Amino acid sequence: MGILVFIVFSVVLTLGVVIVQLKARRLSGDDWEALVAQIQPIPFEGLEKVALDHLQPQGSQLSIQPEELWQLVGGFEGLSKMRQNADLIIRLAAHVHRWNFDEAIVVAERIRQDTVMLKRALFRIHIQMLFSMRKLHVPFQVHQAASAYYLMTRRILALYQTNQFVLYPRLMEVL
């Protein structure tokens, strides 16, 4: 019985590694410049203010009002750009596997999880606004979306700074 469990576990683990490598190879096949050119500009100062308000709470946790939140993240247009950029950032992380496979896979997975948080928050915002339900919760979702996107950008920039310092300035410029 124990040997059978070991064999099944080994097969599943091997398939998992093969799938991850194939996915990374497929994602990294994109042209780096083309990916960077597709990134939509987001008002970083406003985004950072909202994200840090959520991630590093200060004494007064009501410093940003809901109307100001929308303005700081660029409204629905800014949220839409975050969604589009999220997939591009994952693909940029997959590109790094050429230089540092282990770290790139870990960071890409963290960014993927941040993307899931971002997309969940955006979905909730759209549903709540569409059906005019619980608009009180929308600012919380905006905080979560901004925080997830902020973490994604910090993760990808740190990855490029340590593994591909030649491309780092260009990436920092667009993000």
Protein backbone atom coordinates (compact mmCIF):
# COMPACT_ATOMS: atom_id res chain seq x y z
CA MET A 1 0.00 0.00 0.00
CA GLY A 2 2.79 2.41 0.93
CA ILE A 3 4.65 1.74 -2.31
CA LEU A 4 1.51 2.42 -4.35
CA VAL A 5 1.00 5.77 -2.60
CA PHE A 6 4.66 6.65 -3.22
CA ILE A 7 4.38 5.78 -6.93
CA VAL A 8 1.17 7.80 -7.34
CA PHE A 9 2.72 10.74 -5.49
CA SER A 10 5.87 10.56 -7.65
CA VAL A 11 3.85 10.48 -10.88
CA VAL A 12 1.70 13.45 -9.80
CA LEU A 13 4.76 15.43 -8.72
CA THR A 14 6.58 14.69 -11.98
CA LEU A 15 3.55 15.71 -14.04
CA GLY A 16 3.30 18.92 -12.02
CA VAL A 17 6.93 19.83 -12.70
CA VAL A 18 6.55 19.06 -16.42
CA ILE A 19 3.39 21.18 -16.66
CA VAL A 20 5.05 24.12 -14.86
CA GLN A 21 8.09 23.94 -17.16
CA LEU A 22 5.94 23.76 -20.30
CA LYS A 23 3.82 26.67 -19.13
CA ALA A 24 6.90 28.74 -18.30
CA ARG A 25 8.42 27.96 -21.69
CA ARG A 26 5.18 28.95 -23.46
CA LEU A 27 4.83 32.19 -21.47
CA SER A 28 8.45 33.17 -21.95
CA GLY A 29 8.17 32.79 -25.72
CA ASP A 30 6.66 36.26 -25.95
CA ASP A 31 8.83 39.13 -27.07
CA TRP A 32 9.87 41.15 -23.99
CA GLU A 33 9.62 44.53 -25.72
CA ALA A 34 6.17 43.70 -27.06
CA LEU A 35 4.96 42.80 -23.56
CA VAL A 36 6.38 45.97 -22.03
CA ALA A 37 4.84 48.07 -24.81
CA GLN A 38 1.37 46.70 -23.94
CA ILE A 39 1.51 47.85 -20.31
CA GLN A 40 -1.07 50.56 -19.68
CA PRO A 41 0.00 53.56 -17.55
CA ILE A 42 -1.54 53.74 -14.08
CA PRO A 43 -1.26 56.76 -11.75
CA PHE A 44 1.43 55.23 -9.52
CA GLU A 45 1.48 57.90 -6.81
CA GLY A 46 -2.25 57.53 -6.20
CA LEU A 47 -2.11 53.76 -6.40
CA GLU A 48 0.77 53.64 -3.92
CA LYS A 49 -1.08 55.93 -1.50
CA VAL A 50 -4.18 53.68 -1.56
CA ALA A 51 -2.17 50.45 -1.34
CA LEU A 52 0.00 51.61 1.56
CA ASP A 53 -3.07 52.93 3.36
CA HIS A 54 -4.35 49.34 3.23
CA LEU A 55 -1.07 47.49 3.78
CA GLN A 56 0.49 49.78 6.40
CA PRO A 57 -2.30 51.21 8.55
CA GLN A 58 -1.52 54.39 10.45
CA GLY A 59 -3.22 56.05 13.43
CA SER A 60 -6.06 57.54 11.39
CA GLN A 61 -7.41 54.77 9.20
CA LEU A 62 -10.06 57.00 7.63
CA SER A 63 -7.60 59.29 5.88
CA ILE A 64 -8.81 58.48 2.34
CA GLN A 65 -12.47 59.01 1.57
CA PRO A 66 -14.28 56.81 -1.01
CA GLU A 67 -14.49 59.58 -3.61
CA GLU A 68 -10.76 60.19 -3.29
CA LEU A 69 -10.08 56.43 -3.64
CA TRP A 70 -11.68 56.43 -7.08
CA GLN A 71 -9.68 59.45 -8.12
CA LEU A 72 -6.38 58.04 -6.84
CA VAL A 73 -6.71 54.72 -8.71
CA GLY A 74 -8.06 56.32 -11.89
CA GLY A 75 -11.68 55.18 -11.53
CA PHE A 76 -13.05 52.30 -13.58
CA GLU A 77 -10.49 53.04 -16.29
CA GLY A 78 -7.62 52.65 -13.83
CA LEU A 79 -9.07 49.42 -12.46
CA SER A 80 -9.48 48.09 -16.00
CA LYS A 81 -5.85 48.91 -16.79
CA MET A 82 -4.76 47.07 -13.63
CA ARG A 83 -6.61 43.98 -14.84
CA GLN A 84 -4.96 44.13 -18.28
CA ASN A 85 -1.51 44.75 -16.83
CA ALA A 86 -1.81 41.89 -14.34
CA ASP A 87 -1.64 39.24 -17.05
CA LEU A 88 1.29 41.01 -18.71
CA ILE A 89 3.18 41.14 -15.41
CA ILE A 90 2.81 37.36 -15.00
CA ARG A 91 4.21 36.89 -18.50
CA LEU A 92 7.12 39.22 -17.70
CA ALA A 93 7.87 37.14 -14.59
CA ALA A 94 7.89 33.98 -16.72
CA HIS A 95 10.51 35.63 -18.94
CA VAL A 96 13.00 35.68 -16.06
CA HIS A 97 13.08 31.87 -15.89
CA ARG A 98 15.80 32.01 -18.57
CA TRP A 99 18.16 33.61 -16.04
CA ASN A 100 16.88 32.30 -12.72
CA PHE A 101 14.37 29.48 -13.05
CA ASP A 102 13.79 28.82 -9.36
CA GLU A 103 13.16 32.39 -8.25
CA ALA A 104 11.13 33.24 -11.36
CA ILE A 105 8.73 30.35 -10.77
CA VAL A 106 8.18 31.33 -7.13
CA VAL A 107 7.69 35.02 -7.92
CA ALA A 108 5.43 34.23 -10.88
CA GLU A 109 3.24 32.13 -8.58
CA ARG A 110 3.07 34.92 -6.00
CA ILE A 111 2.13 37.37 -8.75
CA ARG A 112 -0.48 34.92 -10.02
CA GLN A 113 -2.01 34.78 -6.55
CA ASP A 114 -1.98 38.59 -6.37
CA THR A 115 -3.72 38.58 -9.76
CA VAL A 116 -6.43 36.30 -8.39
CA MET A 117 -6.99 38.73 -5.50
CA LEU A 118 -7.07 41.67 -7.91
CA LYS A 119 -9.56 40.02 -10.26
CA ARG A 120 -11.80 38.92 -7.39
CA ALA A 121 -11.90 42.46 -6.04
CA LEU A 122 -12.63 43.88 -9.50
CA PHE A 123 -15.39 41.33 -10.06
CA ARG A 124 -16.99 42.25 -6.74
CA ILE A 125 -16.76 45.96 -7.57
CA HIS A 126 -18.46 45.44 -10.91
CA ILE A 127 -21.22 43.27 -9.46
CA GLN A 128 -21.87 45.63 -6.56
CA MET A 129 -21.96 48.65 -8.83
CA LEU A 130 -24.05 46.89 -11.47
CA PHE A 131 -26.73 45.79 -9.04
CA SER A 132 -26.37 48.78 -6.70
CA MET A 133 -25.90 46.48 -3.78
CA ARG A 134 -23.70 47.06 -0.75
CA LYS A 135 -21.88 50.06 -2.16
CA LEU A 136 -20.43 50.41 1.31
CA HIS A 137 -18.12 47.47 0.44
CA VAL A 138 -16.78 48.98 -2.80
CA PRO A 139 -14.03 51.08 -1.13
CA PHE A 140 -12.77 47.94 0.62
CA GLN A 141 -12.57 46.16 -2.74
CA VAL A 142 -10.74 49.14 -4.27
CA HIS A 143 -8.21 48.95 -1.42
CA GLN A 144 -7.73 45.22 -2.08
CA ALA A 145 -7.36 45.69 -5.84
CA ALA A 146 -4.85 48.52 -5.42
CA SER A 147 -2.88 46.55 -2.82
CA ALA A 148 -2.73 43.42 -4.97
CA TYR A 149 -1.57 45.42 -8.00
CA TYR A 150 0.97 47.34 -5.93
CA LEU A 151 2.43 44.07 -4.60
CA MET A 152 2.59 42.66 -8.13
CA THR A 153 4.55 45.65 -9.38
CA ARG A 154 6.93 45.56 -6.41
CA ARG A 155 7.51 41.81 -6.87
CA ILE A 156 8.24 42.04 -10.61
CA LEU A 157 10.53 45.03 -10.18
CA ALA A 158 12.47 43.29 -7.41
CA LEU A 159 12.79 40.18 -9.59
CA TYR A 160 14.16 42.18 -12.51
CA GLN A 161 16.42 44.28 -10.29
CA THR A 162 18.20 41.17 -8.97
CA ASN A 163 18.13 39.02 -12.12
CA GLN A 164 18.06 41.31 -15.13
CA PHE A 165 19.36 44.72 -14.16
CA VAL A 166 19.80 45.71 -17.82
CA LEU A 167 16.03 45.50 -18.46
CA TYR A 168 15.07 46.82 -15.02
CA PRO A 169 15.16 50.58 -15.84
CA ARG A 170 12.83 50.13 -18.84
CA LEU A 171 10.40 48.06 -16.79
CA MET A 172 10.47 50.54 -13.92
CA GLU A 173 9.74 53.34 -16.38
CA VAL A 174 6.52 51.73 -17.67
CA LEU A 175 5.26 50.50 -14.32
